[in-house]
Amino acid sequence: MALATLRHVTADVRRLPERGFEFSTLAVRNSIHAELLRLAGAAPKEGGAAVLSPGPSLSEIANRISTHREAASREISRLASIGLLRREGANLKITDLEKLAGLVHEAEGG
């Protein structure tokens, strides 16, 4: 149990510089994109898509990037309207991981 906890904490600490960069430089919209990609990293993949099961709530997404639920709601709705996200019951499907990664890369100046 202690070893598993240490591994988890170590992984979190290693991600801090990346998250700090995102928090200080990216707009809320792009922070949401980056967080969705981070969550998709551990999710099952289907071709170029990933299924978050169960999908995070709007409040969870907002809390993870230190914004309010309404901002998360607007961006999730926008991503759904352009076909990058789809709710499937309790799951959230990211339909095009490559395109979402491109949005983050652009925002980072790449």
PDB file of N, CA and C in Angstrom:
ATOM      1  N   MET A   1       0.829  -1.184   0.000  1.00  0.00           N
ATOM      2  CA  MET A   1       0.000   0.000   0.000  1.00  0.00           C
ATOM      3  C   MET A   1       0.875   1.250   0.000  1.00  0.00           C
ATOM      4  N   ALA A   2       1.887   1.266   0.843  1.00  0.00           N
ATOM      5  CA  ALA A   2       2.776   2.432   0.927  1.00  0.00           C
ATOM      6  C   ALA A   2       3.514   2.647  -0.394  1.00  0.00           C
ATOM      7  N   LEU A   3       3.972   1.574  -1.012  1.00  0.00           N
ATOM      8  CA  LEU A   3       4.680   1.684  -2.285  1.00  0.00           C
ATOM      9  C   LEU A   3       3.765   2.237  -3.384  1.00  0.00           C
ATOM     10  N   ALA A   4       2.539   1.771  -3.423  1.00  0.00           N
ATOM     11  CA  ALA A   4       1.576   2.275  -4.415  1.00  0.00           C
ATOM     12  C   ALA A   4       1.305   3.762  -4.190  1.00  0.00           C
ATOM     13  N   THR A   5       1.189   4.164  -2.947  1.00  0.00           N
ATOM     14  CA  THR A   5       0.960   5.572  -2.620  1.00  0.00           C
ATOM     15  C   THR A   5       2.151   6.418  -3.053  1.00  0.00           C
ATOM     16  N   LEU A   6       3.342   5.950  -2.779  1.00  0.00           N
ATOM     17  CA  LEU A   6       4.549   6.676  -3.188  1.00  0.00           C
ATOM     18  C   LEU A   6       4.633   6.813  -4.706  1.00  0.00           C
ATOM     19  N   ARG A   7       4.298   5.773  -5.427  1.00  0.00           N
ATOM     20  CA  ARG A   7       4.305   5.841  -6.895  1.00  0.00           C
ATOM     21  C   ARG A   7       3.306   6.880  -7.394  1.00  0.00           C
ATOM     22  N   HIS A   8       2.137   6.883  -6.796  1.00  0.00           N
ATOM     23  CA  HIS A   8       1.100   7.839  -7.194  1.00  0.00           C
ATOM     24  C   HIS A   8       1.549   9.278  -6.920  1.00  0.00           C
ATOM     25  N   VAL A   9       2.074   9.523  -5.738  1.00  0.00           N
ATOM     26  CA  VAL A   9       2.529  10.866  -5.373  1.00  0.00           C
ATOM     27  C   VAL A   9       3.688  11.298  -6.271  1.00  0.00           C
ATOM     28  N   THR A  10       4.608  10.391  -6.542  1.00  0.00           N
ATOM     29  CA  THR A  10       5.742  10.697  -7.413  1.00  0.00           C
ATOM     30  C   THR A  10       5.266  11.079  -8.810  1.00  0.00           C
ATOM     31  N   ALA A  11       4.314  10.344  -9.344  1.00  0.00           N
ATOM     32  CA  ALA A  11       3.771  10.660 -10.669  1.00  0.00           C
ATOM     33  C   ALA A  11       3.115  12.036 -10.669  1.00  0.00           C
ATOM     34  N   ASP A  12       2.385  12.355  -9.606  1.00  0.00           N
ATOM     35  CA  ASP A  12       1.752  13.673  -9.503  1.00  0.00           C
ATOM     36  C   ASP A  12       2.790  14.781  -9.463  1.00  0.00           C
ATOM     37  N   VAL A  13       3.842  14.590  -8.694  1.00  0.00           N
ATOM     38  CA  VAL A  13       4.896  15.605  -8.573  1.00  0.00           C
ATOM     39  C   VAL A  13       5.594  15.806  -9.920  1.00  0.00           C
ATOM     40  N   ARG A  14       5.800  14.745 -10.656  1.00  0.00           N
ATOM     41  CA  ARG A  14       6.449  14.863 -11.968  1.00  0.00           C
ATOM     42  C   ARG A  14       5.596  15.636 -12.965  1.00  0.00           C
ATOM     43  N   ARG A  15       4.286  15.612 -12.801  1.00  0.00           N
ATOM     44  CA  ARG A  15       3.391  16.345 -13.704  1.00  0.00           C
ATOM     45  C   ARG A  15       3.219  17.805 -13.316  1.00  0.00           C
ATOM     46  N   LEU A  16       3.673  18.216 -12.156  1.00  0.00           N
ATOM     47  CA  LEU A  16       3.450  19.587 -11.689  1.00  0.00           C
ATOM     48  C   LEU A  16       4.017  20.663 -12.622  1.00  0.00           C
ATOM     49  N   PRO A  17       5.246  20.546 -13.123  1.00  0.00           N
ATOM     50  CA  PRO A  17       5.736  21.612 -14.013  1.00  0.00           C
ATOM     51  C   PRO A  17       4.870  21.788 -15.261  1.00  0.00           C
ATOM     52  N   GLU A  18       4.430  20.689 -15.842  1.00  0.00           N
ATOM     53  CA  GLU A  18       3.570  20.760 -17.025  1.00  0.00           C
ATOM     54  C   GLU A  18       2.257  21.459 -16.691  1.00  0.00           C
ATOM     55  N   ARG A  19       1.660  21.066 -15.584  1.00  0.00           N
ATOM     56  CA  ARG A  19       0.380  21.672 -15.185  1.00  0.00           C
ATOM     57  C   ARG A  19       0.563  23.139 -14.823  1.00  0.00           C
ATOM     58  N   GLY A  20       1.670  23.477 -14.199  1.00  0.00           N
ATOM     59  CA  GLY A  20       1.949  24.878 -13.871  1.00  0.00           C
ATOM     60  C   GLY A  20       2.086  25.723 -15.120  1.00  0.00           C
ATOM     61  N   PHE A  21       2.758  25.191 -16.123  1.00  0.00           N
ATOM     62  CA  PHE A  21       2.886  25.883 -17.400  1.00  0.00           C
ATOM     63  C   PHE A  21       1.512  26.112 -18.009  1.00  0.00           C
ATOM     64  N   GLU A  22       0.705  25.072 -18.049  1.00  0.00           N
ATOM     65  CA  GLU A  22      -0.633  25.189 -18.623  1.00  0.00           C
ATOM     66  C   GLU A  22      -1.464  26.216 -17.868  1.00  0.00           C
ATOM     67  N   PHE A  23      -1.403  26.171 -16.548  1.00  0.00           N
ATOM     68  CA  PHE A  23      -2.210  27.069 -15.728  1.00  0.00           C
ATOM     69  C   PHE A  23      -1.825  28.523 -15.969  1.00  0.00           C
ATOM     70  N   SER A  24      -0.539  28.783 -16.129  1.00  0.00           N
ATOM     71  CA  SER A  24      -0.088  30.172 -16.251  1.00  0.00           C
ATOM     72  C   SER A  24      -0.121  30.708 -17.673  1.00  0.00           C
ATOM     73  N   THR A  25      -0.126  29.837 -18.680  1.00  0.00           N
ATOM     74  CA  THR A  25      -0.017  30.326 -20.050  1.00  0.00           C
ATOM     75  C   THR A  25      -1.207  30.034 -20.949  1.00  0.00           C
ATOM     76  N   LEU A  26      -1.972  29.000 -20.670  1.00  0.00           N
ATOM     77  CA  LEU A  26      -3.064  28.632 -21.564  1.00  0.00           C
ATOM     78  C   LEU A  26      -4.382  29.269 -21.139  1.00  0.00           C
ATOM     79  N   ALA A  27      -5.199  29.581 -22.129  1.00  0.00           N
ATOM     80  CA  ALA A  27      -6.557  30.052 -21.854  1.00  0.00           C
ATOM     81  C   ALA A  27      -7.365  28.879 -21.290  1.00  0.00           C
ATOM     82  N   VAL A  28      -8.479  29.184 -20.661  1.00  0.00           N
ATOM     83  CA  VAL A  28      -9.336  28.140 -20.079  1.00  0.00           C
ATOM     84  C   VAL A  28      -9.679  27.096 -21.121  1.00  0.00           C
ATOM     85  N   ARG A  29     -10.042  27.528 -22.303  1.00  0.00           N
ATOM     86  CA  ARG A  29     -10.411  26.622 -23.396  1.00  0.00           C
ATOM     87  C   ARG A  29      -9.302  25.594 -23.633  1.00  0.00           C
ATOM     88  N   ASN A  30      -8.076  26.077 -23.750  1.00  0.00           N
ATOM     89  CA  ASN A  30      -6.954  25.186 -24.034  1.00  0.00           C
ATOM     90  C   ASN A  30      -6.570  24.333 -22.834  1.00  0.00           C
ATOM     91  N   SER A  31      -6.782  24.849 -21.637  1.00  0.00           N
ATOM     92  CA  SER A  31      -6.531  24.046 -20.433  1.00  0.00           C
ATOM     93  C   SER A  31      -7.488  22.867 -20.373  1.00  0.00           C
ATOM     94  N   ILE A  32      -8.725  23.081 -20.800  1.00  0.00           N
ATOM     95  CA  ILE A  32      -9.706  21.995 -20.846  1.00  0.00           C
ATOM     96  C   ILE A  32      -9.268  20.948 -21.865  1.00  0.00           C
ATOM     97  N   HIS A  33      -8.783  21.396 -23.023  1.00  0.00           N
ATOM     98  CA  HIS A  33      -8.294  20.461 -24.034  1.00  0.00           C
ATOM     99  C   HIS A  33      -7.158  19.611 -23.473  1.00  0.00           C
ATOM    100  N   ALA A  34      -6.203  20.276 -22.812  1.00  0.00           N
ATOM    101  CA  ALA A  34      -5.052  19.559 -22.251  1.00  0.00           C
ATOM    102  C   ALA A  34      -5.485  18.572 -21.172  1.00  0.00           C
ATOM    103  N   GLU A  35      -6.446  18.967 -20.351  1.00  0.00           N
ATOM    104  CA  GLU A  35      -6.917  18.074 -19.283  1.00  0.00           C
ATOM    105  C   GLU A  35      -7.640  16.868 -19.871  1.00  0.00           C
ATOM    106  N   LEU A  36      -8.435  17.075 -20.904  1.00  0.00           N
ATOM    107  CA  LEU A  36      -9.102  15.947 -21.556  1.00  0.00           C
ATOM    108  C   LEU A  36      -8.081  14.980 -22.157  1.00  0.00           C
ATOM    109  N   LEU A  37      -7.024  15.520 -22.750  1.00  0.00           N
ATOM    110  CA  LEU A  37      -5.976  14.648 -23.287  1.00  0.00           C
ATOM    111  C   LEU A  37      -5.282  13.872 -22.173  1.00  0.00           C
ATOM    112  N   ARG A  38      -5.050  14.528 -21.053  1.00  0.00           N
ATOM    113  CA  ARG A  38      -4.416  13.861 -19.909  1.00  0.00           C
ATOM    114  C   ARG A  38      -5.300  12.704 -19.423  1.00  0.00           C
ATOM    115  N   LEU A  39      -6.587  12.963 -19.309  1.00  0.00           N
ATOM    116  CA  LEU A  39      -7.525  11.917 -18.880  1.00  0.00           C
ATOM    117  C   LEU A  39      -7.594  10.786 -19.906  1.00  0.00           C
ATOM    118  N   ALA A  40      -7.493  11.131 -21.188  1.00  0.00           N
ATOM    119  CA  ALA A  40      -7.555  10.124 -22.250  1.00  0.00           C
ATOM    120  C   ALA A  40      -6.329   9.223 -22.238  1.00  0.00           C
ATOM    121  N   GLY A  41      -5.239   9.689 -21.653  1.00  0.00           N
ATOM    122  CA  GLY A  41      -4.026   8.889 -21.614  1.00  0.00           C
ATOM    123  C   GLY A  41      -4.221   7.543 -20.923  1.00  0.00           C
ATOM    124  N   ALA A  42      -5.085   7.496 -19.934  1.00  0.00           N
ATOM    125  CA  ALA A  42      -5.331   6.256 -19.188  1.00  0.00           C
ATOM    126  C   ALA A  42      -6.596   5.535 -19.651  1.00  0.00           C
ATOM    127  N   ALA A  43      -7.259   6.085 -20.655  1.00  0.00           N
ATOM    128  CA  ALA A  43      -8.543   5.523 -21.105  1.00  0.00           C
ATOM    129  C   ALA A  43      -8.328   4.514 -22.232  1.00  0.00           C
ATOM    130  N   PRO A  44      -9.267   3.581 -22.377  1.00  0.00           N
ATOM    131  CA  PRO A  44      -9.198   2.646 -23.512  1.00  0.00           C
ATOM    132  C   PRO A  44      -9.323   3.400 -24.836  1.00  0.00           C
ATOM    133  N   LYS A  45      -8.533   2.981 -25.813  1.00  0.00           N
ATOM    134  CA  LYS A  45      -8.540   3.637 -27.121  1.00  0.00           C
ATOM    135  C   LYS A  45      -9.308   2.786 -28.127  1.00  0.00           C
ATOM    136  N   GLU A  46      -9.977   3.467 -29.037  1.00  0.00           N
ATOM    137  CA  GLU A  46     -10.685   2.830 -30.149  1.00  0.00           C
ATOM    138  C   GLU A  46     -10.255   3.566 -31.405  1.00  0.00           C
ATOM    139  N   GLY A  47      -9.224   3.084 -32.068  1.00  0.00           N
ATOM    140  CA  GLY A  47      -8.710   3.821 -33.222  1.00  0.00           C
ATOM    141  C   GLY A  47      -8.117   5.132 -32.745  1.00  0.00           C
ATOM    142  N   GLY A  48      -8.588   6.237 -33.284  1.00  0.00           N
ATOM    143  CA  GLY A  48      -8.107   7.556 -32.878  1.00  0.00           C
ATOM    144  C   GLY A  48      -8.970   8.192 -31.819  1.00  0.00           C
ATOM    145  N   ALA A  49      -9.804   7.393 -31.151  1.00  0.00           N
ATOM    146  CA  ALA A  49     -10.727   7.900 -30.136  1.00  0.00           C
ATOM    147  C   ALA A  49     -10.397   7.284 -28.777  1.00  0.00           C
ATOM    148  N   ALA A  50     -10.933   7.907 -27.740  1.00  0.00           N
ATOM    149  CA  ALA A  50     -10.782   7.381 -26.378  1.00  0.00           C
ATOM    150  C   ALA A  50     -12.103   7.544 -25.648  1.00  0.00           C
ATOM    151  N   VAL A  51     -12.394   6.591 -24.771  1.00  0.00           N
ATOM    152  CA  VAL A  51     -13.631   6.640 -23.999  1.00  0.00           C
ATOM    153  C   VAL A  51     -13.286   6.800 -22.526  1.00  0.00           C
ATOM    154  N   LEU A  52     -13.736   7.905 -21.935  1.00  0.00           N
ATOM    155  CA  LEU A  52     -13.561   8.139 -20.507  1.00  0.00           C
ATOM    156  C   LEU A  52     -14.772   7.544 -19.807  1.00  0.00           C
ATOM    157  N   SER A  53     -14.532   6.529 -18.996  1.00  0.00           N
ATOM    158  CA  SER A  53     -15.631   5.810 -18.363  1.00  0.00           C
ATOM    159  C   SER A  53     -15.383   5.653 -16.866  1.00  0.00           C
ATOM    160  N   PRO A  54     -16.205   6.211 -16.049  1.00  0.00           N
ATOM    161  CA  PRO A  54     -17.261   7.161 -16.383  1.00  0.00           C
ATOM    162  C   PRO A  54     -16.650   8.508 -16.750  1.00  0.00           C
ATOM    163  N   GLY A  55     -17.352   9.250 -17.570  1.00  0.00           N
ATOM    164  CA  GLY A  55     -16.878  10.563 -17.982  1.00  0.00           C
ATOM    165  C   GLY A  55     -16.905  11.533 -16.813  1.00  0.00           C
ATOM    166  N   PRO A  56     -15.956  12.452 -16.778  1.00  0.00           N
ATOM    167  CA  PRO A  56     -15.938  13.438 -15.692  1.00  0.00           C
ATOM    168  C   PRO A  56     -17.116  14.403 -15.814  1.00  0.00           C
ATOM    169  N   SER A  57     -17.602  14.858 -14.684  1.00  0.00           N
ATOM    170  CA  SER A  57     -18.662  15.872 -14.706  1.00  0.00           C
ATOM    171  C   SER A  57     -18.045  17.220 -15.064  1.00  0.00           C
ATOM    172  N   LEU A  58     -18.885  18.162 -15.412  1.00  0.00           N
ATOM    173  CA  LEU A  58     -18.403  19.506 -15.719  1.00  0.00           C
ATOM    174  C   LEU A  58     -17.694  20.117 -14.511  1.00  0.00           C
ATOM    175  N   SER A  59     -18.231  19.872 -13.334  1.00  0.00           N
ATOM    176  CA  SER A  59     -17.604  20.394 -12.115  1.00  0.00           C
ATOM    177  C   SER A  59     -16.224  19.785 -11.898  1.00  0.00           C
ATOM    178  N   GLU A  60     -16.086  18.491 -12.169  1.00  0.00           N
ATOM    179  CA  GLU A  60     -14.781  17.835 -12.020  1.00  0.00           C
ATOM    180  C   GLU A  60     -13.758  18.430 -12.980  1.00  0.00           C
ATOM    181  N   ILE A  61     -14.157  18.624 -14.220  1.00  0.00           N
ATOM    182  CA  ILE A  61     -13.246  19.218 -15.201  1.00  0.00           C
ATOM    183  C   ILE A  61     -12.852  20.618 -14.750  1.00  0.00           C
ATOM    184  N   ALA A  62     -13.838  21.407 -14.351  1.00  0.00           N
ATOM    185  CA  ALA A  62     -13.565  22.771 -13.908  1.00  0.00           C
ATOM    186  C   ALA A  62     -12.625  22.788 -12.698  1.00  0.00           C
ATOM    187  N   ASN A  63     -12.853  21.934 -11.735  1.00  0.00           N
ATOM    188  CA  ASN A  63     -11.998  21.884 -10.550  1.00  0.00           C
ATOM    189  C   ASN A  63     -10.573  21.479 -10.896  1.00  0.00           C
ATOM    190  N   ARG A  64     -10.410  20.585 -11.847  1.00  0.00           N
ATOM    191  CA  ARG A  64      -9.074  20.106 -12.219  1.00  0.00           C
ATOM    192  C   ARG A  64      -8.228  21.201 -12.846  1.00  0.00           C
ATOM    193  N   ILE A  65      -8.869  22.195 -13.467  1.00  0.00           N
ATOM    194  CA  ILE A  65      -8.100  23.279 -14.086  1.00  0.00           C
ATOM    195  C   ILE A  65      -8.329  24.628 -13.407  1.00  0.00           C
ATOM    196  N   SER A  66      -8.968  24.618 -12.259  1.00  0.00           N
ATOM    197  CA  SER A  66      -9.184  25.830 -11.453  1.00  0.00           C
ATOM    198  C   SER A  66      -9.984  26.898 -12.196  1.00  0.00           C
ATOM    199  N   THR A  67     -11.131  26.494 -12.700  1.00  0.00           N
ATOM    200  CA  THR A  67     -12.046  27.448 -13.318  1.00  0.00           C
ATOM    201  C   THR A  67     -13.444  27.140 -12.804  1.00  0.00           C
ATOM    202  N   HIS A  68     -14.453  27.792 -13.363  1.00  0.00           N
ATOM    203  CA  HIS A  68     -15.822  27.541 -12.919  1.00  0.00           C
ATOM    204  C   HIS A  68     -16.541  26.615 -13.896  1.00  0.00           C
ATOM    205  N   ARG A  69     -17.592  26.000 -13.396  1.00  0.00           N
ATOM    206  CA  ARG A  69     -18.324  24.999 -14.159  1.00  0.00           C
ATOM    207  C   ARG A  69     -18.879  25.556 -15.467  1.00  0.00           C
ATOM    208  N   GLU A  70     -19.311  26.790 -15.464  1.00  0.00           N
ATOM    209  CA  GLU A  70     -19.907  27.390 -16.660  1.00  0.00           C
ATOM    210  C   GLU A  70     -18.910  27.463 -17.813  1.00  0.00           C
ATOM    211  N   ALA A  71     -17.654  27.792 -17.506  1.00  0.00           N
ATOM    212  CA  ALA A  71     -16.621  27.851 -18.549  1.00  0.00           C
ATOM    213  C   ALA A  71     -16.380  26.454 -19.121  1.00  0.00           C
ATOM    214  N   ALA A  72     -16.345  25.466 -18.248  1.00  0.00           N
ATOM    215  CA  ALA A  72     -16.169  24.088 -18.699  1.00  0.00           C
ATOM    216  C   ALA A  72     -17.365  23.668 -19.558  1.00  0.00           C
ATOM    217  N   SER A  73     -18.553  24.034 -19.143  1.00  0.00           N
ATOM    218  CA  SER A  73     -19.760  23.685 -19.885  1.00  0.00           C
ATOM    219  C   SER A  73     -19.730  24.280 -21.290  1.00  0.00           C
ATOM    220  N   ARG A  74     -19.360  25.550 -21.398  1.00  0.00           N
ATOM    221  CA  ARG A  74     -19.304  26.202 -22.713  1.00  0.00           C
ATOM    222  C   ARG A  74     -18.326  25.484 -23.642  1.00  0.00           C
ATOM    223  N   GLU A  75     -17.143  25.166 -23.119  1.00  0.00           N
ATOM    224  CA  GLU A  75     -16.131  24.550 -23.988  1.00  0.00           C
ATOM    225  C   GLU A  75     -16.480  23.107 -24.331  1.00  0.00           C
ATOM    226  N   ILE A  76     -17.006  22.363 -23.386  1.00  0.00           N
ATOM    227  CA  ILE A  76     -17.422  20.985 -23.678  1.00  0.00           C
ATOM    228  C   ILE A  76     -18.532  20.998 -24.727  1.00  0.00           C
ATOM    229  N   SER A  77     -19.471  21.921 -24.619  1.00  0.00           N
ATOM    230  CA  SER A  77     -20.540  22.045 -25.616  1.00  0.00           C
ATOM    231  C   SER A  77     -19.981  22.408 -26.981  1.00  0.00           C
ATOM    232  N   ARG A  78     -18.997  23.306 -27.008  1.00  0.00           N
ATOM    233  CA  ARG A  78     -18.379  23.698 -28.279  1.00  0.00           C
ATOM    234  C   ARG A  78     -17.664  22.508 -28.911  1.00  0.00           C
ATOM    235  N   LEU A  79     -16.915  21.756 -28.099  1.00  0.00           N
ATOM    236  CA  LEU A  79     -16.216  20.582 -28.623  1.00  0.00           C
ATOM    237  C   LEU A  79     -17.204  19.540 -29.147  1.00  0.00           C
ATOM    238  N   ALA A  80     -18.331  19.399 -28.463  1.00  0.00           N
ATOM    239  CA  ALA A  80     -19.365  18.469 -28.928  1.00  0.00           C
ATOM    240  C   ALA A  80     -19.968  18.951 -30.252  1.00  0.00           C
ATOM    241  N   SER A  81     -20.173  20.253 -30.378  1.00  0.00           N
ATOM    242  CA  SER A  81     -20.792  20.789 -31.594  1.00  0.00           C
ATOM    243  C   SER A  81     -19.888  20.641 -32.815  1.00  0.00           C
ATOM    244  N   ILE A  82     -18.570  20.595 -32.611  1.00  0.00           N
ATOM    245  CA  ILE A  82     -17.663  20.411 -33.756  1.00  0.00           C
ATOM    246  C   ILE A  82     -17.265  18.938 -33.926  1.00  0.00           C
ATOM    247  N   GLY A  83     -17.856  18.072 -33.098  1.00  0.00           N
ATOM    248  CA  GLY A  83     -17.674  16.640 -33.274  1.00  0.00           C
ATOM    249  C   GLY A  83     -16.470  16.016 -32.592  1.00  0.00           C
ATOM    250  N   LEU A  84     -15.801  16.730 -31.691  1.00  0.00           N
ATOM    251  CA  LEU A  84     -14.643  16.162 -30.998  1.00  0.00           C
ATOM    252  C   LEU A  84     -15.010  15.376 -29.749  1.00  0.00           C
ATOM    253  N   LEU A  85     -16.183  15.653 -29.185  1.00  0.00           N
ATOM    254  CA  LEU A  85     -16.643  14.952 -27.987  1.00  0.00           C
ATOM    255  C   LEU A  85     -18.062  14.467 -28.206  1.00  0.00           C
ATOM    256  N   ARG A  86     -18.390  13.401 -27.476  1.00  0.00           N
ATOM    257  CA  ARG A  86     -19.762  12.900 -27.506  1.00  0.00           C
ATOM    258  C   ARG A  86     -20.041  12.206 -26.181  1.00  0.00           C
ATOM    259  N   ARG A  87     -21.158  12.556 -25.557  1.00  0.00           N
ATOM    260  CA  ARG A  87     -21.604  11.848 -24.346  1.00  0.00           C
ATOM    261  C   ARG A  87     -22.283  10.564 -24.776  1.00  0.00           C
ATOM    262  N   GLU A  88     -21.907   9.479 -24.131  1.00  0.00           N
ATOM    263  CA  GLU A  88     -22.534   8.170 -24.389  1.00  0.00           C
ATOM    264  C   GLU A  88     -22.936   7.607 -23.044  1.00  0.00           C
ATOM    265  N   GLY A  89     -24.129   7.955 -22.613  1.00  0.00           N
ATOM    266  CA  GLY A  89     -24.575   7.568 -21.276  1.00  0.00           C
ATOM    267  C   GLY A  89     -23.711   8.267 -20.242  1.00  0.00           C
ATOM    268  N   ALA A  90     -23.097   7.500 -19.357  1.00  0.00           N
ATOM    269  CA  ALA A  90     -22.229   8.073 -18.331  1.00  0.00           C
ATOM    270  C   ALA A  90     -20.811   8.305 -18.847  1.00  0.00           C
ATOM    271  N   ASN A  91     -20.527   7.863 -20.067  1.00  0.00           N
ATOM    272  CA  ASN A  91     -19.179   7.975 -20.631  1.00  0.00           C
ATOM    273  C   ASN A  91     -19.028   9.241 -21.452  1.00  0.00           C
ATOM    274  N   LEU A  92     -17.780   9.636 -21.636  1.00  0.00           N
ATOM    275  CA  LEU A  92     -17.452  10.754 -22.507  1.00  0.00           C
ATOM    276  C   LEU A  92     -16.465  10.226 -23.541  1.00  0.00           C
ATOM    277  N   LYS A  93     -16.843  10.323 -24.814  1.00  0.00           N
ATOM    278  CA  LYS A  93     -15.982   9.823 -25.885  1.00  0.00           C
ATOM    279  C   LYS A  93     -15.301  10.996 -26.578  1.00  0.00           C
ATOM    280  N   ILE A  94     -13.979  10.942 -26.616  1.00  0.00           N
ATOM    281  CA  ILE A  94     -13.193  11.909 -27.379  1.00  0.00           C
ATOM    282  C   ILE A  94     -13.010  11.255 -28.745  1.00  0.00           C
ATOM    283  N   THR A  95     -13.622  11.824 -29.766  1.00  0.00           N
ATOM    284  CA  THR A  95     -13.706  11.154 -31.057  1.00  0.00           C
ATOM    285  C   THR A  95     -12.450  11.300 -31.906  1.00  0.00           C
ATOM    286  N   ASP A  96     -11.640  12.330 -31.655  1.00  0.00           N
ATOM    287  CA  ASP A  96     -10.432  12.545 -32.461  1.00  0.00           C
ATOM    288  C   ASP A  96      -9.319  13.079 -31.571  1.00  0.00           C
ATOM    289  N   LEU A  97      -8.535  12.159 -31.013  1.00  0.00           N
ATOM    290  CA  LEU A  97      -7.448  12.543 -30.107  1.00  0.00           C
ATOM    291  C   LEU A  97      -6.392  13.381 -30.814  1.00  0.00           C
ATOM    292  N   GLU A  98      -6.109  13.059 -32.053  1.00  0.00           N
ATOM    293  CA  GLU A  98      -5.084  13.781 -32.801  1.00  0.00           C
ATOM    294  C   GLU A  98      -5.477  15.247 -33.007  1.00  0.00           C
ATOM    295  N   LYS A  99      -6.713  15.479 -33.356  1.00  0.00           N
ATOM    296  CA  LYS A  99      -7.185  16.852 -33.562  1.00  0.00           C
ATOM    297  C   LYS A  99      -7.177  17.623 -32.239  1.00  0.00           C
ATOM    298  N   LEU A 100      -7.591  16.981 -31.155  1.00  0.00           N
ATOM    299  CA  LEU A 100      -7.573  17.629 -29.850  1.00  0.00           C
ATOM    300  C   LEU A 100      -6.138  17.949 -29.438  1.00  0.00           C
ATOM    301  N   ALA A 101      -5.220  17.035 -29.685  1.00  0.00           N
ATOM    302  CA  ALA A 101      -3.804  17.283 -29.383  1.00  0.00           C
ATOM    303  C   ALA A 101      -3.276  18.444 -30.226  1.00  0.00           C
ATOM    304  N   GLY A 102      -3.738  18.550 -31.459  1.00  0.00           N
ATOM    305  CA  GLY A 102      -3.339  19.663 -32.318  1.00  0.00           C
ATOM    306  C   GLY A 102      -3.783  21.002 -31.766  1.00  0.00           C
ATOM    307  N   LEU A 103      -4.980  21.053 -31.188  1.00  0.00           N
ATOM    308  CA  LEU A 103      -5.465  22.287 -30.585  1.00  0.00           C
ATOM    309  C   LEU A 103      -4.569  22.710 -29.414  1.00  0.00           C
ATOM    310  N   VAL A 104      -4.152  21.736 -28.614  1.00  0.00           N
ATOM    311  CA  VAL A 104      -3.270  22.036 -27.479  1.00  0.00           C
ATOM    312  C   VAL A 104      -1.915  22.484 -27.993  1.00  0.00           C
ATOM    313  N   HIS A 105      -1.395  21.793 -28.988  1.00  0.00           N
ATOM    314  CA  HIS A 105      -0.077  22.117 -29.539  1.00  0.00           C
ATOM    315  C   HIS A 105      -0.073  23.534 -30.102  1.00  0.00           C
ATOM    316  N   GLU A 106      -1.121  23.896 -30.828  1.00  0.00           N
ATOM    317  CA  GLU A 106      -1.253  25.265 -31.365  1.00  0.00           C
ATOM    318  C   GLU A 106      -1.245  26.290 -30.252  1.00  0.00           C
ATOM    319  N   ALA A 107      -1.995  26.026 -29.197  1.00  0.00           N
ATOM    320  CA  ALA A 107      -2.101  26.964 -28.082  1.00  0.00           C
ATOM    321  C   ALA A 107      -0.770  27.150 -27.363  1.00  0.00           C
ATOM    322  N   GLU A 108       0.050  26.105 -27.373  1.00  0.00           N
ATOM    323  CA  GLU A 108       1.347  26.170 -26.717  1.00  0.00           C
ATOM    324  C   GLU A 108       2.388  26.861 -27.603  1.00  0.00           C
ATOM    325  N   GLY A 109       1.955  27.281 -28.794  1.00  0.00           N
ATOM    326  CA  GLY A 109       2.862  27.986 -29.684  1.00  0.00           C
ATOM    327  C   GLY A 109       3.651  27.076 -30.589  1.00  0.00           C
ATOM    328  N   GLY A 110       3.146  25.843 -30.773  1.00  0.00           N
ATOM    329  CA  GLY A 110       3.888  24.860 -31.577  1.00  0.00           C
ATOM    330  C   GLY A 110       3.412  24.698 -32.943  1.00  0.00           C
TER     331      GLY A 110
END
